[in-house]
Amino acid sequence: MNTHKNNKPRSSDWRQVVQRLLKAEMSKRGTKYQDLSDRLLNIGVDQSADNLRNKINKGIMGADLLLQIMYVLNMRRIERDDIVEMFVDMGCQLDGN
């Protein structure tokens, strides 16, 4: 939960959004970390289940891995409103349009 005074998101809050997003998508599809590892290997990306669990739980990974995960999970898109909603749930206020 965001506890800083101005309720502006920090880097750790963005990482939490990545974590929530990927875990939700994996849950929707009934995908376990080993399944995700196997799917990634099918497109030439070698990531162990433990490594994926660690990266997703921390919400820290390169953009390339994020896109590869989105691809193998057959994610269609990330909606801006979904991101805003996750921040609201965490008590953060995003500025902007």
C-alpha atoms as a PDB file:
ATOM      1  CA  MET A   1       0.000   0.000   0.000  1.00  0.00           C
ATOM      2  CA  ASN A   2       1.218   3.469  -0.858  1.00  0.00           C
ATOM      3  CA  THR A   3       1.918   5.420   2.325  1.00  0.00           C
ATOM      4  CA  HIS A   4       3.824   8.470   1.107  1.00  0.00           C
ATOM      5  CA  LYS A   5       2.355  11.925   1.660  1.00  0.00           C
ATOM      6  CA  ASN A   6       1.425  13.033  -1.839  1.00  0.00           C
ATOM      7  CA  ASN A   7       0.024   9.648  -2.913  1.00  0.00           C
ATOM      8  CA  LYS A   8       2.058   9.786  -6.112  1.00  0.00           C
ATOM      9  CA  PRO A   9       3.221   6.384  -7.321  1.00  0.00           C
ATOM     10  CA  ARG A  10       6.815   5.379  -6.754  1.00  0.00           C
ATOM     11  CA  SER A  11       8.846   2.843  -8.713  1.00  0.00           C
ATOM     12  CA  SER A  12       7.835   0.169  -6.216  1.00  0.00           C
ATOM     13  CA  ASP A  13       4.178   0.920  -6.938  1.00  0.00           C
ATOM     14  CA  TRP A  14       4.722   0.459 -10.677  1.00  0.00           C
ATOM     15  CA  ARG A  15       6.439  -2.858  -9.958  1.00  0.00           C
ATOM     16  CA  GLN A  16       3.426  -3.918  -7.887  1.00  0.00           C
ATOM     17  CA  VAL A  17       1.163  -3.147 -10.859  1.00  0.00           C
ATOM     18  CA  VAL A  18       3.331  -5.366 -13.092  1.00  0.00           C
ATOM     19  CA  GLN A  19       3.088  -8.130 -10.485  1.00  0.00           C
ATOM     20  CA  ARG A  20      -0.693  -7.828 -10.136  1.00  0.00           C
ATOM     21  CA  LEU A  21      -1.231  -7.664 -13.883  1.00  0.00           C
ATOM     22  CA  LEU A  22       0.815 -10.771 -14.695  1.00  0.00           C
ATOM     23  CA  LYS A  23      -0.494 -12.811 -11.773  1.00  0.00           C
ATOM     24  CA  ALA A  24      -4.068 -11.956 -12.746  1.00  0.00           C
ATOM     25  CA  GLU A  25      -3.459 -12.987 -16.352  1.00  0.00           C
ATOM     26  CA  MET A  26      -1.801 -16.232 -15.272  1.00  0.00           C
ATOM     27  CA  SER A  27      -4.687 -16.953 -12.907  1.00  0.00           C
ATOM     28  CA  LYS A  28      -7.310 -16.310 -15.609  1.00  0.00           C
ATOM     29  CA  ARG A  29      -5.608 -18.872 -17.796  1.00  0.00           C
ATOM     30  CA  GLY A  30      -4.776 -21.367 -15.047  1.00  0.00           C
ATOM     31  CA  THR A  31      -1.101 -20.992 -15.942  1.00  0.00           C
ATOM     32  CA  LYS A  32       1.532 -22.068 -13.420  1.00  0.00           C
ATOM     33  CA  TYR A  33       5.124 -20.849 -13.477  1.00  0.00           C
ATOM     34  CA  GLN A  34       6.369 -24.118 -15.002  1.00  0.00           C
ATOM     35  CA  ASP A  35       3.741 -23.809 -17.761  1.00  0.00           C
ATOM     36  CA  LEU A  36       4.902 -20.254 -18.404  1.00  0.00           C
ATOM     37  CA  SER A  37       8.524 -21.415 -18.520  1.00  0.00           C
ATOM     38  CA  ASP A  38       7.619 -24.139 -21.036  1.00  0.00           C
ATOM     39  CA  ARG A  39       5.668 -21.714 -23.226  1.00  0.00           C
ATOM     40  CA  LEU A  40       8.554 -19.259 -23.234  1.00  0.00           C
ATOM     41  CA  LEU A  41      10.984 -22.030 -24.151  1.00  0.00           C
ATOM     42  CA  ASN A  42       8.786 -22.804 -27.165  1.00  0.00           C
ATOM     43  CA  ILE A  43       9.595 -19.326 -28.519  1.00  0.00           C
ATOM     44  CA  GLY A  44      13.294 -19.599 -27.649  1.00  0.00           C
ATOM     45  CA  VAL A  45      13.264 -17.849 -24.262  1.00  0.00           C
ATOM     46  CA  ASP A  46      14.961 -19.865 -21.520  1.00  0.00           C
ATOM     47  CA  GLN A  47      13.611 -18.836 -18.103  1.00  0.00           C
ATOM     48  CA  SER A  48      13.236 -21.322 -15.271  1.00  0.00           C
ATOM     49  CA  ALA A  49       9.981 -21.458 -13.331  1.00  0.00           C
ATOM     50  CA  ASP A  50      11.820 -20.258 -10.201  1.00  0.00           C
ATOM     51  CA  ASN A  51      13.370 -17.339 -12.071  1.00  0.00           C
ATOM     52  CA  LEU A  52       9.972 -16.316 -13.471  1.00  0.00           C
ATOM     53  CA  ARG A  53       8.362 -16.583 -10.033  1.00  0.00           C
ATOM     54  CA  ASN A  54      11.060 -14.334  -8.596  1.00  0.00           C
ATOM     55  CA  LYS A  55      10.793 -11.742 -11.381  1.00  0.00           C
ATOM     56  CA  ILE A  56       7.008 -11.643 -11.364  1.00  0.00           C
ATOM     57  CA  ASN A  57       6.782 -11.506  -7.558  1.00  0.00           C
ATOM     58  CA  LYS A  58       9.195  -8.559  -7.552  1.00  0.00           C
ATOM     59  CA  GLY A  59       7.564  -6.996 -10.616  1.00  0.00           C
ATOM     60  CA  ILE A  60      11.009  -6.472 -12.096  1.00  0.00           C
ATOM     61  CA  MET A  61      11.880  -7.638 -15.587  1.00  0.00           C
ATOM     62  CA  GLY A  62      13.011  -6.217 -18.863  1.00  0.00           C
ATOM     63  CA  ALA A  63      10.487  -4.935 -21.365  1.00  0.00           C
ATOM     64  CA  ASP A  64      11.460  -7.768 -23.699  1.00  0.00           C
ATOM     65  CA  LEU A  65      10.518 -10.434 -21.139  1.00  0.00           C
ATOM     66  CA  LEU A  66       7.279  -8.624 -20.311  1.00  0.00           C
ATOM     67  CA  LEU A  67       6.326  -8.646 -23.999  1.00  0.00           C
ATOM     68  CA  GLN A  68       7.346 -12.292 -24.354  1.00  0.00           C
ATOM     69  CA  ILE A  69       5.190 -13.241 -21.376  1.00  0.00           C
ATOM     70  CA  MET A  70       2.275 -11.253 -22.773  1.00  0.00           C
ATOM     71  CA  TYR A  71       2.731 -13.057 -26.083  1.00  0.00           C
ATOM     72  CA  VAL A  72       2.794 -16.590 -24.677  1.00  0.00           C
ATOM     73  CA  LEU A  73      -0.166 -15.828 -22.390  1.00  0.00           C
ATOM     74  CA  ASN A  74      -2.038 -14.542 -25.442  1.00  0.00           C
ATOM     75  CA  MET A  75      -2.760 -11.255 -23.690  1.00  0.00           C
ATOM     76  CA  ARG A  76      -4.578  -8.981 -26.083  1.00  0.00           C
ATOM     77  CA  ARG A  77      -3.806  -5.648 -24.442  1.00  0.00           C
ATOM     78  CA  ILE A  78      -3.194  -3.761 -21.252  1.00  0.00           C
ATOM     79  CA  GLU A  79      -5.923  -1.181 -20.772  1.00  0.00           C
ATOM     80  CA  ARG A  80      -4.929   2.196 -19.340  1.00  0.00           C
ATOM     81  CA  ASP A  81      -8.074   2.204 -17.192  1.00  0.00           C
ATOM     82  CA  ASP A  82      -7.017  -1.113 -15.631  1.00  0.00           C
ATOM     83  CA  ILE A  83      -3.670   0.408 -14.658  1.00  0.00           C
ATOM     84  CA  VAL A  84      -5.379   3.461 -13.162  1.00  0.00           C
ATOM     85  CA  GLU A  85      -7.773   1.195 -11.239  1.00  0.00           C
ATOM     86  CA  MET A  86      -4.873  -0.808  -9.761  1.00  0.00           C
ATOM     87  CA  PHE A  87      -3.229   2.406  -8.574  1.00  0.00           C
ATOM     88  CA  VAL A  88      -6.489   3.601  -7.028  1.00  0.00           C
ATOM     89  CA  ASP A  89      -6.771   0.258  -5.204  1.00  0.00           C
ATOM     90  CA  MET A  90      -3.248   0.836  -3.873  1.00  0.00           C
ATOM     91  CA  GLY A  91      -4.114   4.366  -2.717  1.00  0.00           C
ATOM     92  CA  CYS A  92      -2.097   6.146  -5.391  1.00  0.00           C
ATOM     93  CA  GLN A  93      -3.185   9.045  -7.546  1.00  0.00           C
ATOM     94  CA  LEU A  94      -1.871   9.270 -11.098  1.00  0.00           C
ATOM     95  CA  ASP A  95      -1.687  12.701 -12.682  1.00  0.00           C
ATOM     96  CA  GLY A  96      -2.315  13.195 -16.347  1.00  0.00           C
ATOM     97  CA  ASN A  97      -5.019  12.719 -18.890  1.00  0.00           C
END
